[in-house]
């Protein structure tokens, strides 16, 4: 991390605690790192927004991983979403040892038909159902159906 990002608070995950509420959390503030990732491709604004949100999520989840020792970079997290239909075909974000990278493969045609102010992008799948119905969780393992 550069001196500038340490001074501005960008590109950092900050932990916080609210003792009166018995709550802990994390917040991420991405700046130059996010700009660098998004500028690597000419994404339309809704795709840029989607990738930015996914990168923030990857940074938050990745910051929960255990750090490696002096010889290793620590844990790695890959966030991936893939569809067979829709504007977004593939979204991938990687977090490794405090470094982020991300990519979106999208279909430009549906994006060109959108109104200029539209910012939402959704994933659609041909098979949008679970492979089997969910079952209730029982505290007693002997009572669980198999």
Protein backbone atom coordinates (compact mmCIF):
# COMPACT_ATOMS: atom_id res chain seq x y z
CA UNK A 1 0.00 0.00 0.00
CA UNK A 2 1.36 3.41 -0.90
CA UNK A 3 1.72 6.40 1.40
CA UNK A 4 -1.12 8.15 -0.42
CA UNK A 5 -3.64 5.36 0.20
CA UNK A 6 -2.60 5.21 3.88
CA UNK A 7 -3.24 8.94 4.22
CA UNK A 8 -6.58 8.97 2.38
CA UNK A 9 -7.94 5.71 3.74
CA UNK A 10 -8.51 4.29 0.25
CA UNK A 11 -7.79 0.66 -0.65
CA UNK A 12 -8.17 -0.53 2.90
CA UNK A 13 -10.45 -2.79 4.88
CA UNK A 14 -11.24 -1.25 8.25
CA UNK A 15 -12.51 -3.28 11.20
CA UNK A 16 -14.89 -1.72 13.69
CA UNK A 17 -16.59 -2.69 16.93
CA UNK A 18 -19.78 -1.39 18.52
CA UNK A 19 -19.45 -2.64 22.12
CA UNK A 20 -22.83 -1.28 23.23
CA UNK A 21 -24.48 -3.35 20.47
CA UNK A 22 -22.18 -6.37 20.80
CA UNK A 23 -21.44 -6.02 17.09
CA UNK A 24 -18.32 -6.17 14.96
CA UNK A 25 -17.94 -5.44 11.28
CA UNK A 26 -15.74 -4.42 8.40
CA UNK A 27 -15.96 -1.69 5.83
CA UNK A 28 -13.93 -1.35 2.65
CA UNK A 29 -13.06 1.82 0.79
CA UNK A 30 -11.60 1.17 -2.64
CA UNK A 31 -10.04 3.99 -4.65
CA UNK A 32 -6.95 3.80 -6.90
CA UNK A 33 -6.99 -0.01 -6.96
CA UNK A 34 -10.60 0.00 -8.16
CA UNK A 35 -9.86 2.69 -10.76
CA UNK A 36 -6.94 0.67 -12.11
CA UNK A 37 -9.00 -2.53 -12.41
CA UNK A 38 -11.98 -0.81 -14.06
CA UNK A 39 -9.81 1.14 -16.51
CA UNK A 40 -8.26 -2.05 -17.91
CA UNK A 41 -11.37 -2.59 -20.08
CA UNK A 42 -13.98 -0.29 -21.64
CA UNK A 43 -16.93 -1.52 -19.56
CA UNK A 44 -20.31 0.26 -19.85
CA UNK A 45 -21.37 2.05 -16.61
CA UNK A 46 -23.74 -0.71 -15.33
CA UNK A 47 -21.02 -3.35 -15.80
CA UNK A 48 -18.45 -1.11 -14.08
CA UNK A 49 -20.86 -0.72 -11.14
CA UNK A 50 -21.46 -4.48 -10.92
CA UNK A 51 -17.73 -5.25 -11.01
CA UNK A 52 -17.01 -2.57 -8.41
CA UNK A 53 -19.56 -4.11 -6.03
CA UNK A 54 -18.16 -7.60 -6.61
CA UNK A 55 -14.61 -6.36 -5.96
CA UNK A 56 -15.72 -4.73 -2.71
CA UNK A 57 -17.36 -8.02 -1.66
CA UNK A 58 -14.22 -9.98 -2.58
CA UNK A 59 -12.07 -7.55 -0.55
CA UNK A 60 -14.34 -7.89 2.48
CA UNK A 61 -14.53 -11.69 2.32
CA UNK A 62 -10.83 -12.02 1.48
CA UNK A 63 -9.86 -9.92 4.48
CA UNK A 64 -11.41 -12.61 6.68
CA UNK A 65 -8.88 -15.21 5.49
CA UNK A 66 -5.91 -16.07 7.64
CA UNK A 67 -2.69 -14.37 6.63
CA UNK A 68 0.29 -16.51 5.75
CA UNK A 69 3.60 -16.40 7.52
CA UNK A 70 6.57 -14.38 6.25
CA UNK A 71 7.16 -16.87 3.43
CA UNK A 72 3.61 -17.01 2.04
CA UNK A 73 1.08 -14.48 0.77
CA UNK A 74 -1.84 -15.78 2.86
CA UNK A 75 -5.19 -17.06 1.67
CA UNK A 76 -6.84 -16.74 -1.69
CA UNK A 77 -10.49 -16.19 -2.50
CA UNK A 78 -12.10 -16.40 -5.94
CA UNK A 79 -15.62 -15.07 -6.42
CA UNK A 80 -17.17 -16.28 -9.69
CA UNK A 81 -20.63 -15.98 -11.21
CA UNK A 82 -21.48 -17.50 -14.58
CA UNK A 83 -24.70 -17.61 -16.60
CA UNK A 84 -25.90 -19.01 -19.90
CA UNK A 85 -28.12 -16.05 -20.78
CA UNK A 86 -28.29 -12.38 -19.97
CA UNK A 87 -26.01 -9.40 -20.38
CA UNK A 88 -23.32 -10.75 -18.04
CA UNK A 89 -21.83 -14.11 -19.01
CA UNK A 90 -19.00 -14.31 -16.48
CA UNK A 91 -17.83 -12.28 -13.49
CA UNK A 92 -14.62 -13.21 -11.68
CA UNK A 93 -12.91 -11.45 -8.76
CA UNK A 94 -9.74 -12.69 -7.07
CA UNK A 95 -8.31 -11.70 -3.71
CA UNK A 96 -4.86 -12.99 -2.90
CA UNK A 97 -2.64 -11.71 -0.12
CA UNK A 98 -4.30 -8.29 -0.10
CA UNK A 99 -4.29 -7.88 -3.89
CA UNK A 100 -7.44 -7.68 -6.02
CA UNK A 101 -8.20 -8.35 -9.64
CA UNK A 102 -11.47 -8.69 -11.52
CA UNK A 103 -12.98 -9.28 -14.94
CA UNK A 104 -16.44 -9.28 -16.51
CA UNK A 105 -17.36 -10.97 -19.79
CA UNK A 106 -20.56 -9.41 -21.06
CA UNK A 107 -22.71 -9.23 -24.16
CA UNK A 108 -22.58 -5.70 -25.58
CA UNK A 109 -25.89 -5.97 -27.50
CA UNK A 110 -28.26 -6.07 -24.48
CA UNK A 111 -26.24 -3.27 -22.92
CA UNK A 112 -26.65 -1.05 -26.00
CA UNK A 113 -30.47 -1.37 -25.83
CA UNK A 114 -30.63 -0.09 -22.24
CA UNK A 115 -31.72 3.48 -21.45
CA UNK A 116 -28.75 5.75 -20.82
CA UNK A 117 -29.58 6.23 -17.11
CA UNK A 118 -30.09 2.53 -16.32
CA UNK A 119 -27.66 1.14 -13.76
CA UNK A 120 -29.01 -2.32 -12.92
CA UNK A 121 -27.65 -5.52 -14.41
CA UNK A 122 -29.01 -8.92 -13.46
CA UNK A 123 -27.86 -12.48 -13.88
CA UNK A 124 -30.28 -14.90 -15.49
CA UNK A 125 -29.97 -18.62 -15.76
CA UNK A 126 -31.94 -21.10 -17.82
CA UNK A 127 -32.11 -23.41 -14.78
CA UNK A 128 -33.17 -21.17 -11.91
CA UNK A 129 -34.20 -23.86 -9.41
CA UNK A 130 -32.50 -25.92 -6.77
CA UNK A 131 -31.57 -29.52 -7.60
CA UNK A 132 -33.76 -30.75 -4.72
CA UNK A 133 -36.05 -29.09 -2.18
CA UNK A 134 -34.51 -27.73 0.99
CA UNK A 135 -35.11 -29.65 4.20
CA UNK A 136 -35.58 -28.24 7.68
CA UNK A 137 -32.60 -28.39 10.00
CA UNK A 138 -33.11 -30.60 13.04
CA UNK A 139 -31.00 -30.14 16.19
CA UNK A 140 -31.03 -33.92 16.63
CA UNK A 141 -29.06 -35.66 13.84
CA UNK A 142 -30.88 -38.98 14.41
CA UNK A 143 -34.17 -37.34 13.36
CA UNK A 144 -32.83 -36.05 10.03
CA UNK A 145 -34.24 -37.68 6.89
CA UNK A 146 -31.66 -39.18 4.60
